[in-house]
Amino acid sequence: MSKKVLVATEKPFAAEAVQLIREKSDAAGYELILLEKYQDKADFINAVKNVDALIVRSDKVTAEVLENAANLKIVVRAGAGYDNLDLAAASAKKVVCMNTPGQNSNAVAELAFGMMLYLARCQFQPKSGTELLGKKIGIHAYGNVGKNVARIARGFGMQVFAFDPYVSNEVMQAEGITPLKSVEELYSTCNYISLHLPKTEATVNFVNKNLLRLLPTGGVLINTARKEVVCEEGLRLILQERPDFKYASDIAPDIADELKAQFPTQVYFTPKKMGAQTEEANINAGVAAISQIIDFLEKGITTFQVNK
């Protein structure tokens, strides 16, 4: 009996990505099942029964989903963040969870600059804005997306700084980045902060009012990571205190409507998380996901496993 792979995506992959996933799946002798644009969690729970592998995007793989997936051996989140996967429940069921780091990185980095330009040029209103040339940009967490932000920033002629306690100064310096000793130094030094923290217990509400108050006049925070890493009450206070401060995020906070009403020229939120919403990123992440599934099921390779 052939192995079954379910692609469950409320936000579907691009058509070309689906075709490439299917070609790889067929070549491996697997049966590919598609569940796209589903509206009811029950459809997801029903579809996951009897499948060996699962590919998702931002779809939530909860304990309930896992409980109904008796044959499931591996879940791959097509993207870098994986807080939509219940890792503890998966581990208890001996289901391997993986992500596809780096596959969406350029798409997210380009969006960060789109939002920077949008705010720098006064939301494209006929007003006098500012340029990025010569400005200081601070990269908060120097991972795959951060590295792409740094690459693009150098093209704009920006001065690039970074803080990441998990990346050595030597690595940053070799890539033309000025490493800083603390997150406080990063925020007090830079005109722009590009935020790339993952959501963990340690990072929820990490970017608070005390940190934001350190930003120089005209400071801008760009968030393409997770909404939870920015303290919403602190964000509200800084927007009230400092009309010069601006915030753009690919993940609207819970108080987005309130902030847009009160501070229309200071904030911008994408309609729906779209950092990875490019055809190229779709293809990269989708192909990586099915490739990792095949490598695991056929060879036991667990390179990108995120649970134990």
C-alpha atoms as a PDB file:
ATOM      1  CA  MET A   1       0.000   0.000   0.000  1.00  0.00           C
ATOM      2  CA  SER A   2       1.419   3.399  -1.001  1.00  0.00           C
ATOM      3  CA  LYS A   3       2.180   6.028   1.618  1.00  0.00           C
ATOM      4  CA  LYS A   4      -0.270   8.925   1.806  1.00  0.00           C
ATOM      5  CA  VAL A   5       0.748  12.581   2.064  1.00  0.00           C
ATOM      6  CA  LEU A   6      -1.852  15.217   2.938  1.00  0.00           C
ATOM      7  CA  VAL A   7      -1.308  18.858   1.982  1.00  0.00           C
ATOM      8  CA  ALA A   8      -3.716  20.792   4.217  1.00  0.00           C
ATOM      9  CA  THR A   9      -3.588  24.509   3.446  1.00  0.00           C
ATOM     10  CA  GLU A  10      -6.271  27.012   4.337  1.00  0.00           C
ATOM     11  CA  LYS A  11      -4.054  29.438   2.342  1.00  0.00           C
ATOM     12  CA  PRO A  12      -3.154  27.248  -0.666  1.00  0.00           C
ATOM     13  CA  PHE A  13       0.255  26.931  -2.249  1.00  0.00           C
ATOM     14  CA  ALA A  14       0.738  28.425  -5.705  1.00  0.00           C
ATOM     15  CA  ALA A  15      -0.396  26.110  -8.489  1.00  0.00           C
ATOM     16  CA  GLU A  16       3.182  25.527  -9.651  1.00  0.00           C
ATOM     17  CA  ALA A  17       4.210  24.587  -6.126  1.00  0.00           C
ATOM     18  CA  VAL A  18       1.387  22.031  -5.895  1.00  0.00           C
ATOM     19  CA  GLN A  19       2.414  20.565  -9.246  1.00  0.00           C
ATOM     20  CA  LEU A  20       6.036  20.180  -8.141  1.00  0.00           C
ATOM     21  CA  ILE A  21       4.954  18.638  -4.828  1.00  0.00           C
ATOM     22  CA  ARG A  22       2.786  16.192  -6.772  1.00  0.00           C
ATOM     23  CA  GLU A  23       5.607  15.286  -9.163  1.00  0.00           C
ATOM     24  CA  LYS A  24       7.983  14.500  -6.289  1.00  0.00           C
ATOM     25  CA  SER A  25       5.282  12.587  -4.438  1.00  0.00           C
ATOM     26  CA  ASP A  26       4.389  10.553  -7.537  1.00  0.00           C
ATOM     27  CA  ALA A  27       8.046   9.798  -8.243  1.00  0.00           C
ATOM     28  CA  ALA A  28       8.369   8.382  -4.725  1.00  0.00           C
ATOM     29  CA  GLY A  29       5.280   6.213  -5.247  1.00  0.00           C
ATOM     30  CA  TYR A  30       3.186   8.154  -2.725  1.00  0.00           C
ATOM     31  CA  GLU A  31      -0.472   9.165  -2.907  1.00  0.00           C
ATOM     32  CA  LEU A  32      -0.942  12.935  -2.597  1.00  0.00           C
ATOM     33  CA  ILE A  33      -4.154  14.277  -1.045  1.00  0.00           C
ATOM     34  CA  LEU A  34      -5.050  17.982  -1.243  1.00  0.00           C
ATOM     35  CA  LEU A  35      -7.221  19.887   1.228  1.00  0.00           C
ATOM     36  CA  GLU A  36      -7.238  23.540   0.170  1.00  0.00           C
ATOM     37  CA  LYS A  37      -9.211  26.579   1.361  1.00  0.00           C
ATOM     38  CA  TYR A  38     -11.037  24.534   3.964  1.00  0.00           C
ATOM     39  CA  GLN A  39     -13.288  26.486   6.309  1.00  0.00           C
ATOM     40  CA  ASP A  40     -14.107  23.927   8.993  1.00  0.00           C
ATOM     41  CA  LYS A  41     -11.577  22.305  11.312  1.00  0.00           C
ATOM     42  CA  ALA A  42     -13.647  19.139  11.056  1.00  0.00           C
ATOM     43  CA  ASP A  43     -12.637  18.864   7.394  1.00  0.00           C
ATOM     44  CA  PHE A  44      -8.985  18.935   8.434  1.00  0.00           C
ATOM     45  CA  ILE A  45      -9.519  16.361  11.166  1.00  0.00           C
ATOM     46  CA  ASN A  46     -11.347  14.060   8.772  1.00  0.00           C
ATOM     47  CA  ALA A  47      -8.714  14.424   6.045  1.00  0.00           C
ATOM     48  CA  VAL A  48      -5.778  13.625   8.323  1.00  0.00           C
ATOM     49  CA  LYS A  49      -7.088  10.160   9.142  1.00  0.00           C
ATOM     50  CA  ASN A  50      -5.002   7.350   7.627  1.00  0.00           C
ATOM     51  CA  VAL A  51      -2.263   9.615   6.185  1.00  0.00           C
ATOM     52  CA  ASP A  52       1.426   8.975   6.795  1.00  0.00           C
ATOM     53  CA  ALA A  53       2.655  12.536   6.331  1.00  0.00           C
ATOM     54  CA  LEU A  54       1.254  16.046   6.536  1.00  0.00           C
ATOM     55  CA  ILE A  55       2.319  19.351   4.992  1.00  0.00           C
ATOM     56  CA  VAL A  56       0.837  22.576   6.376  1.00  0.00           C
ATOM     57  CA  ARG A  57       1.508  26.307   6.173  1.00  0.00           C
ATOM     58  CA  SER A  58      -0.027  28.371   8.995  1.00  0.00           C
ATOM     59  CA  ASP A  59      -2.615  25.678   9.690  1.00  0.00           C
ATOM     60  CA  LYS A  60      -2.839  24.644  13.342  1.00  0.00           C
ATOM     61  CA  VAL A  61      -1.810  21.065  14.038  1.00  0.00           C
ATOM     62  CA  THR A  62      -3.376  20.664  17.464  1.00  0.00           C
ATOM     63  CA  ALA A  63      -3.546  17.756  19.883  1.00  0.00           C
ATOM     64  CA  GLU A  64      -7.041  17.039  18.524  1.00  0.00           C
ATOM     65  CA  VAL A  65      -5.741  16.830  14.971  1.00  0.00           C
ATOM     66  CA  LEU A  66      -2.918  14.532  16.041  1.00  0.00           C
ATOM     67  CA  GLU A  67      -5.265  12.333  18.049  1.00  0.00           C
ATOM     68  CA  ASN A  68      -7.248  11.634  14.882  1.00  0.00           C
ATOM     69  CA  ALA A  69      -4.174  10.842  12.772  1.00  0.00           C
ATOM     70  CA  ALA A  70      -3.485   7.233  13.711  1.00  0.00           C
ATOM     71  CA  ASN A  71      -0.928   6.584  10.963  1.00  0.00           C
ATOM     72  CA  LEU A  72       0.793   9.963  10.990  1.00  0.00           C
ATOM     73  CA  LYS A  73       4.578   9.828  11.200  1.00  0.00           C
ATOM     74  CA  ILE A  74       5.731  13.298  10.157  1.00  0.00           C
ATOM     75  CA  VAL A  75       4.412  16.857   9.909  1.00  0.00           C
ATOM     76  CA  VAL A  76       6.295  19.499   7.944  1.00  0.00           C
ATOM     77  CA  ARG A  77       5.489  23.157   8.404  1.00  0.00           C
ATOM     78  CA  ALA A  78       6.313  24.794   5.040  1.00  0.00           C
ATOM     79  CA  GLY A  79       8.017  27.838   6.499  1.00  0.00           C
ATOM     80  CA  ALA A  80      10.344  28.813   9.301  1.00  0.00           C
ATOM     81  CA  GLY A  81       8.022  29.467  12.258  1.00  0.00           C
ATOM     82  CA  TYR A  82       6.345  26.442  13.774  1.00  0.00           C
ATOM     83  CA  ASP A  83       4.340  27.731  16.731  1.00  0.00           C
ATOM     84  CA  ASN A  84       1.227  26.443  14.928  1.00  0.00           C
ATOM     85  CA  LEU A  85       2.384  22.890  15.696  1.00  0.00           C
ATOM     86  CA  ASP A  86       1.673  21.337  19.104  1.00  0.00           C
ATOM     87  CA  LEU A  87       5.142  19.898  19.579  1.00  0.00           C
ATOM     88  CA  ALA A  88       4.442  18.280  22.948  1.00  0.00           C
ATOM     89  CA  ALA A  89       1.379  16.457  21.614  1.00  0.00           C
ATOM     90  CA  ALA A  90       3.321  15.383  18.525  1.00  0.00           C
ATOM     91  CA  SER A  91       6.194  14.049  20.610  1.00  0.00           C
ATOM     92  CA  ALA A  92       3.755  12.122  22.791  1.00  0.00           C
ATOM     93  CA  LYS A  93       2.376  10.496  19.635  1.00  0.00           C
ATOM     94  CA  LYS A  94       5.923   9.908  18.309  1.00  0.00           C
ATOM     95  CA  VAL A  95       5.231  12.170  15.322  1.00  0.00           C
ATOM     96  CA  VAL A  96       8.269  13.989  13.941  1.00  0.00           C
ATOM     97  CA  CYS A  97       7.766  17.723  13.313  1.00  0.00           C
ATOM     98  CA  MET A  98       9.931  19.726  10.915  1.00  0.00           C
ATOM     99  CA  ASN A  99      10.080  23.201   9.434  1.00  0.00           C
ATOM    100  CA  THR A 100      11.723  24.382   6.190  1.00  0.00           C
ATOM    101  CA  PRO A 101      14.128  27.112   7.362  1.00  0.00           C
ATOM    102  CA  GLY A 102      15.407  29.582   4.815  1.00  0.00           C
ATOM    103  CA  GLN A 103      12.931  28.794   2.045  1.00  0.00           C
ATOM    104  CA  ASN A 104      10.772  31.901   2.616  1.00  0.00           C
ATOM    105  CA  SER A 105      13.558  34.167   3.827  1.00  0.00           C
ATOM    106  CA  ASN A 106      14.009  36.411   0.816  1.00  0.00           C
ATOM    107  CA  ALA A 107      10.255  36.890   0.407  1.00  0.00           C
ATOM    108  CA  VAL A 108       9.919  38.010   4.029  1.00  0.00           C
ATOM    109  CA  ALA A 109      12.950  40.298   3.777  1.00  0.00           C
ATOM    110  CA  GLU A 110      11.604  41.974   0.654  1.00  0.00           C
ATOM    111  CA  LEU A 111       8.274  42.591   2.385  1.00  0.00           C
ATOM    112  CA  ALA A 112      10.124  44.195   5.308  1.00  0.00           C
ATOM    113  CA  PHE A 113      11.627  46.701   2.901  1.00  0.00           C
ATOM    114  CA  GLY A 114       8.294  47.287   1.228  1.00  0.00           C
ATOM    115  CA  MET A 115       6.901  48.315   4.600  1.00  0.00           C
ATOM    116  CA  MET A 116       9.963  50.430   5.391  1.00  0.00           C
ATOM    117  CA  LEU A 117       9.584  52.359   2.147  1.00  0.00           C
ATOM    118  CA  TYR A 118       5.828  52.727   2.689  1.00  0.00           C
ATOM    119  CA  LEU A 119       6.376  54.384   6.067  1.00  0.00           C
ATOM    120  CA  ALA A 120       9.450  56.365   5.000  1.00  0.00           C
ATOM    121  CA  ARG A 121       7.466  57.884   2.125  1.00  0.00           C
ATOM    122  CA  CYS A 122       4.481  58.827   4.296  1.00  0.00           C
ATOM    123  CA  GLN A 123       2.290  55.928   3.159  1.00  0.00           C
ATOM    124  CA  PHE A 124       2.725  57.127  -0.422  1.00  0.00           C
ATOM    125  CA  GLN A 125       0.892  60.368   0.258  1.00  0.00           C
ATOM    126  CA  PRO A 126       2.087  63.575  -1.496  1.00  0.00           C
ATOM    127  CA  LYS A 127       4.239  64.675   1.423  1.00  0.00           C
ATOM    128  CA  SER A 128       7.953  65.023   2.007  1.00  0.00           C
ATOM    129  CA  GLY A 129       9.277  61.722   3.308  1.00  0.00           C
ATOM    130  CA  THR A 130      12.731  60.385   4.102  1.00  0.00           C
ATOM    131  CA  GLU A 131      15.262  58.139   2.358  1.00  0.00           C
ATOM    132  CA  LEU A 132      16.846  54.900   3.534  1.00  0.00           C
ATOM    133  CA  LEU A 133      20.296  55.807   2.218  1.00  0.00           C
ATOM    134  CA  GLY A 134      22.708  56.326   5.111  1.00  0.00           C
ATOM    135  CA  LYS A 135      20.198  55.343   7.782  1.00  0.00           C
ATOM    136  CA  LYS A 136      21.069  52.813  10.478  1.00  0.00           C
ATOM    137  CA  ILE A 137      19.161  49.554  10.466  1.00  0.00           C
ATOM    138  CA  GLY A 138      19.266  47.126  13.370  1.00  0.00           C
ATOM    139  CA  ILE A 139      18.512  43.462  12.819  1.00  0.00           C
ATOM    140  CA  HIS A 140      17.009  41.903  15.941  1.00  0.00           C
ATOM    141  CA  ALA A 141      17.819  38.190  15.539  1.00  0.00           C
ATOM    142  CA  TYR A 142      20.276  37.430  12.759  1.00  0.00           C
ATOM    143  CA  GLY A 143      18.840  34.272  11.234  1.00  0.00           C
ATOM    144  CA  ASN A 144      17.915  33.432   7.653  1.00  0.00           C
ATOM    145  CA  VAL A 145      15.510  36.352   7.231  1.00  0.00           C
ATOM    146  CA  GLY A 146      17.826  38.727   9.065  1.00  0.00           C
ATOM    147  CA  LYS A 147      20.688  37.856   6.728  1.00  0.00           C
ATOM    148  CA  ASN A 148      18.539  38.653   3.707  1.00  0.00           C
ATOM    149  CA  VAL A 149      17.444  41.934   5.272  1.00  0.00           C
ATOM    150  CA  ALA A 150      21.128  42.787   5.772  1.00  0.00           C
ATOM    151  CA  ARG A 151      21.915  41.968   2.138  1.00  0.00           C
ATOM    152  CA  ILE A 152      19.117  44.207   0.845  1.00  0.00           C
ATOM    153  CA  ALA A 153      19.960  46.978   3.320  1.00  0.00           C
ATOM    154  CA  ARG A 154      23.519  47.160   2.028  1.00  0.00           C
ATOM    155  CA  GLY A 155      22.074  47.653  -1.459  1.00  0.00           C
ATOM    156  CA  PHE A 156      20.142  50.652  -0.152  1.00  0.00           C
ATOM    157  CA  GLY A 157      23.349  52.067   1.302  1.00  0.00           C
ATOM    158  CA  MET A 158      22.213  51.654   4.901  1.00  0.00           C
ATOM    159  CA  GLN A 159      24.511  51.108   7.871  1.00  0.00           C
ATOM    160  CA  VAL A 160      23.741  47.614   9.137  1.00  0.00           C
ATOM    161  CA  PHE A 161      23.888  46.538  12.789  1.00  0.00           C
ATOM    162  CA  ALA A 162      22.654  43.363  14.467  1.00  0.00           C
ATOM    163  CA  PHE A 163      22.142  41.744  17.845  1.00  0.00           C
ATOM    164  CA  ASP A 164      21.840  38.005  18.274  1.00  0.00           C
ATOM    165  CA  PRO A 165      23.411  36.230  21.256  1.00  0.00           C
ATOM    166  CA  TYR A 166      23.385  32.965  19.299  1.00  0.00           C
ATOM    167  CA  VAL A 167      25.471  34.240  16.371  1.00  0.00           C
ATOM    168  CA  SER A 168      29.165  35.019  16.794  1.00  0.00           C
ATOM    169  CA  ASN A 169      30.583  38.473  16.140  1.00  0.00           C
ATOM    170  CA  GLU A 170      32.993  36.908  13.674  1.00  0.00           C
ATOM    171  CA  VAL A 171      30.155  35.578  11.513  1.00  0.00           C
ATOM    172  CA  MET A 172      28.410  38.960  11.442  1.00  0.00           C
ATOM    173  CA  GLN A 173      31.591  40.898  10.746  1.00  0.00           C
ATOM    174  CA  ALA A 174      32.521  38.547   7.910  1.00  0.00           C
ATOM    175  CA  GLU A 175      29.185  39.450   6.301  1.00  0.00           C
ATOM    176  CA  GLY A 176      29.713  43.191   6.688  1.00  0.00           C
ATOM    177  CA  ILE A 177      27.506  43.594   9.756  1.00  0.00           C
ATOM    178  CA  THR A 178      28.404  45.547  12.878  1.00  0.00           C
ATOM    179  CA  PRO A 179      27.502  43.383  15.885  1.00  0.00           C
ATOM    180  CA  LEU A 180      26.252  45.152  19.007  1.00  0.00           C
ATOM    181  CA  LYS A 181      26.657  43.952  22.586  1.00  0.00           C
ATOM    182  CA  SER A 182      23.072  44.246  23.786  1.00  0.00           C
ATOM    183  CA  VAL A 183      19.541  44.606  22.546  1.00  0.00           C
ATOM    184  CA  GLU A 184      19.372  47.965  24.318  1.00  0.00           C
ATOM    185  CA  GLU A 185      22.342  49.185  22.294  1.00  0.00           C
ATOM    186  CA  LEU A 186      20.657  48.012  19.099  1.00  0.00           C
ATOM    187  CA  TYR A 187      17.456  49.955  19.765  1.00  0.00           C
ATOM    188  CA  SER A 188      19.211  53.115  20.934  1.00  0.00           C
ATOM    189  CA  THR A 189      21.559  53.128  17.918  1.00  0.00           C
ATOM    190  CA  CYS A 190      19.313  52.420  14.943  1.00  0.00           C
ATOM    191  CA  ASN A 191      16.719  54.418  12.997  1.00  0.00           C
ATOM    192  CA  TYR A 192      15.053  51.219  11.810  1.00  0.00           C
ATOM    193  CA  ILE A 193      14.663  47.922  13.636  1.00  0.00           C
ATOM    194  CA  SER A 194      13.805  44.789  11.659  1.00  0.00           C
ATOM    195  CA  LEU A 195      12.391  42.252  14.090  1.00  0.00           C
ATOM    196  CA  HIS A 196      12.857  38.511  13.528  1.00  0.00           C
ATOM    197  CA  LEU A 197      12.386  36.893  16.942  1.00  0.00           C
ATOM    198  CA  PRO A 198      10.586  33.540  17.015  1.00  0.00           C
ATOM    199  CA  LYS A 199       7.660  33.146  19.388  1.00  0.00           C
ATOM    200  CA  THR A 200       8.808  31.337  22.533  1.00  0.00           C
ATOM    201  CA  GLU A 201       8.053  31.649  26.238  1.00  0.00           C
ATOM    202  CA  ALA A 202      11.103  33.902  26.532  1.00  0.00           C
ATOM    203  CA  THR A 203      10.211  36.219  23.643  1.00  0.00           C
ATOM    204  CA  VAL A 204       6.489  36.878  24.200  1.00  0.00           C
ATOM    205  CA  ASN A 205       6.134  40.630  24.947  1.00  0.00           C
ATOM    206  CA  PHE A 206       9.944  40.951  24.780  1.00  0.00           C
ATOM    207  CA  VAL A 207       9.767  44.188  22.778  1.00  0.00           C
ATOM    208  CA  ASN A 208       8.188  46.377  25.437  1.00  0.00           C
ATOM    209  CA  LYS A 209       7.799  50.089  26.119  1.00  0.00           C
ATOM    210  CA  ASN A 210      11.192  50.349  27.796  1.00  0.00           C
ATOM    211  CA  LEU A 211      12.930  48.983  24.734  1.00  0.00           C
ATOM    212  CA  LEU A 212      10.900  51.063  22.286  1.00  0.00           C
ATOM    213  CA  ARG A 213      11.616  54.243  24.238  1.00  0.00           C
ATOM    214  CA  LEU A 214      15.279  53.819  23.369  1.00  0.00           C
ATOM    215  CA  LEU A 215      14.680  54.356  19.646  1.00  0.00           C
ATOM    216  CA  PRO A 216      16.052  57.630  18.257  1.00  0.00           C
ATOM    217  CA  THR A 217      13.697  60.339  17.028  1.00  0.00           C
ATOM    218  CA  GLY A 218      11.876  59.078  13.973  1.00  0.00           C
ATOM    219  CA  GLY A 219      12.483  55.452  14.941  1.00  0.00           C
ATOM    220  CA  VAL A 220      10.651  52.731  13.021  1.00  0.00           C
ATOM    221  CA  LEU A 221       9.955  49.135  14.051  1.00  0.00           C
ATOM    222  CA  ILE A 222       9.240  46.580  11.316  1.00  0.00           C
ATOM    223  CA  ASN A 223       7.835  43.243  12.492  1.00  0.00           C
ATOM    224  CA  THR A 224       7.750  40.298  10.087  1.00  0.00           C
ATOM    225  CA  ALA A 225       8.058  37.749  12.910  1.00  0.00           C
ATOM    226  CA  ARG A 226       5.139  37.152  15.301  1.00  0.00           C
ATOM    227  CA  LYS A 227       2.689  39.623  16.826  1.00  0.00           C
ATOM    228  CA  GLU A 228       3.168  38.179  20.313  1.00  0.00           C
ATOM    229  CA  VAL A 229       6.801  39.290  20.595  1.00  0.00           C
ATOM    230  CA  VAL A 230       5.697  42.953  20.729  1.00  0.00           C
ATOM    231  CA  CYS A 231       3.888  44.045  23.896  1.00  0.00           C
ATOM    232  CA  GLU A 232       0.640  45.606  22.689  1.00  0.00           C
ATOM    233  CA  GLU A 233       0.140  47.846  25.705  1.00  0.00           C
ATOM    234  CA  GLY A 234       3.717  49.084  25.421  1.00  0.00           C
ATOM    235  CA  LEU A 235       3.197  49.716  21.707  1.00  0.00           C
ATOM    236  CA  ARG A 236       0.069  51.760  22.423  1.00  0.00           C
ATOM    237  CA  LEU A 237       1.900  53.858  25.012  1.00  0.00           C
ATOM    238  CA  ILE A 238       4.835  54.620  22.716  1.00  0.00           C
ATOM    239  CA  LEU A 239       2.532  55.639  19.879  1.00  0.00           C
ATOM    240  CA  GLN A 240       0.789  58.015  22.281  1.00  0.00           C
ATOM    241  CA  GLU A 241       4.016  59.418  23.714  1.00  0.00           C
ATOM    242  CA  ARG A 242       5.918  59.738  20.456  1.00  0.00           C
ATOM    243  CA  PRO A 243       4.214  60.970  17.288  1.00  0.00           C
ATOM    244  CA  ASP A 244       7.589  60.458  15.575  1.00  0.00           C
ATOM    245  CA  PHE A 245       7.526  56.672  16.121  1.00  0.00           C
ATOM    246  CA  LYS A 246       6.141  54.341  13.450  1.00  0.00           C
ATOM    247  CA  TYR A 247       5.287  50.644  13.450  1.00  0.00           C
ATOM    248  CA  ALA A 248       4.565  48.257  10.592  1.00  0.00           C
ATOM    249  CA  SER A 249       3.770  44.606  11.008  1.00  0.00           C
ATOM    250  CA  ASP A 250       2.960  41.634   8.815  1.00  0.00           C
ATOM    251  CA  ILE A 251       0.907  40.289  11.728  1.00  0.00           C
ATOM    252  CA  ALA A 252      -1.775  42.648  12.949  1.00  0.00           C
ATOM    253  CA  PRO A 253      -1.964  42.966  16.748  1.00  0.00           C
ATOM    254  CA  ASP A 254      -5.208  42.250  18.550  1.00  0.00           C
ATOM    255  CA  ILE A 255      -5.699  46.004  18.970  1.00  0.00           C
ATOM    256  CA  ALA A 256      -5.018  46.761  15.294  1.00  0.00           C
ATOM    257  CA  ASP A 257      -8.328  48.509  14.603  1.00  0.00           C
ATOM    258  CA  GLU A 258      -7.891  50.735  17.630  1.00  0.00           C
ATOM    259  CA  LEU A 259      -4.331  51.653  16.663  1.00  0.00           C
ATOM    260  CA  LYS A 260      -5.250  52.370  13.037  1.00  0.00           C
ATOM    261  CA  ALA A 261      -8.071  54.657  14.188  1.00  0.00           C
ATOM    262  CA  GLN A 262      -5.927  56.552  16.695  1.00  0.00           C
ATOM    263  CA  PHE A 263      -2.595  56.620  14.845  1.00  0.00           C
ATOM    264  CA  PRO A 264      -3.364  56.330  11.115  1.00  0.00           C
ATOM    265  CA  THR A 265      -0.079  57.875   9.956  1.00  0.00           C
ATOM    266  CA  GLN A 266       2.072  55.917  12.404  1.00  0.00           C
ATOM    267  CA  VAL A 267       1.026  52.312  11.855  1.00  0.00           C
ATOM    268  CA  TYR A 268       0.516  49.885   9.009  1.00  0.00           C
ATOM    269  CA  PHE A 269      -0.592  46.242   9.115  1.00  0.00           C
ATOM    270  CA  THR A 270      -0.852  43.887   6.159  1.00  0.00           C
ATOM    271  CA  PRO A 271      -4.408  42.549   5.646  1.00  0.00           C
ATOM    272  CA  LYS A 272      -3.238  39.001   6.320  1.00  0.00           C
ATOM    273  CA  LYS A 273       0.183  37.566   7.047  1.00  0.00           C
ATOM    274  CA  MET A 274       1.861  37.676   3.662  1.00  0.00           C
ATOM    275  CA  GLY A 275       5.607  37.504   4.244  1.00  0.00           C
ATOM    276  CA  ALA A 276       5.870  34.156   2.484  1.00  0.00           C
ATOM    277  CA  GLN A 277       3.136  34.882  -0.072  1.00  0.00           C
ATOM    278  CA  THR A 278       5.212  34.827  -3.235  1.00  0.00           C
ATOM    279  CA  GLU A 279       5.208  32.205  -5.952  1.00  0.00           C
ATOM    280  CA  GLU A 280       8.916  31.642  -5.441  1.00  0.00           C
ATOM    281  CA  ALA A 281       8.616  31.143  -1.685  1.00  0.00           C
ATOM    282  CA  ASN A 282       5.620  28.852  -2.202  1.00  0.00           C
ATOM    283  CA  ILE A 283       7.642  26.695  -4.543  1.00  0.00           C
ATOM    284  CA  ASN A 284      10.759  26.677  -2.375  1.00  0.00           C
ATOM    285  CA  ALA A 285       8.924  25.767   0.836  1.00  0.00           C
ATOM    286  CA  GLY A 286       6.586  23.257  -0.777  1.00  0.00           C
ATOM    287  CA  VAL A 287       9.341  21.387  -2.573  1.00  0.00           C
ATOM    288  CA  ALA A 288      11.482  21.406   0.562  1.00  0.00           C
ATOM    289  CA  ALA A 289       8.570  20.010   2.592  1.00  0.00           C
ATOM    290  CA  ILE A 290       7.882  17.034   0.324  1.00  0.00           C
ATOM    291  CA  SER A 291      11.619  16.388  -0.077  1.00  0.00           C
ATOM    292  CA  GLN A 292      12.067  16.262   3.692  1.00  0.00           C
ATOM    293  CA  ILE A 293       9.116  13.892   4.016  1.00  0.00           C
ATOM    294  CA  ILE A 294      10.567  11.519   1.434  1.00  0.00           C
ATOM    295  CA  ASP A 295      14.014  11.674   3.052  1.00  0.00           C
ATOM    296  CA  PHE A 296      12.499  10.870   6.434  1.00  0.00           C
ATOM    297  CA  LEU A 297      10.153   8.088   5.367  1.00  0.00           C
ATOM    298  CA  GLU A 298      12.711   6.414   3.094  1.00  0.00           C
ATOM    299  CA  LYS A 299      16.002   7.125   4.882  1.00  0.00           C
ATOM    300  CA  GLY A 300      15.112   8.272   8.411  1.00  0.00           C
ATOM    301  CA  ILE A 301      16.732  11.694   7.887  1.00  0.00           C
ATOM    302  CA  THR A 302      15.651  14.160  10.592  1.00  0.00           C
ATOM    303  CA  THR A 303      17.830  17.195   9.825  1.00  0.00           C
ATOM    304  CA  PHE A 304      15.136  19.811  10.345  1.00  0.00           C
ATOM    305  CA  GLN A 305      13.266  18.169  13.223  1.00  0.00           C
ATOM    306  CA  VAL A 306      12.001  20.720  15.763  1.00  0.00           C
ATOM    307  CA  ASN A 307      10.603  18.340  18.391  1.00  0.00           C
ATOM    308  CA  LYS A 308      12.219  15.479  20.260  1.00  0.00           C
END
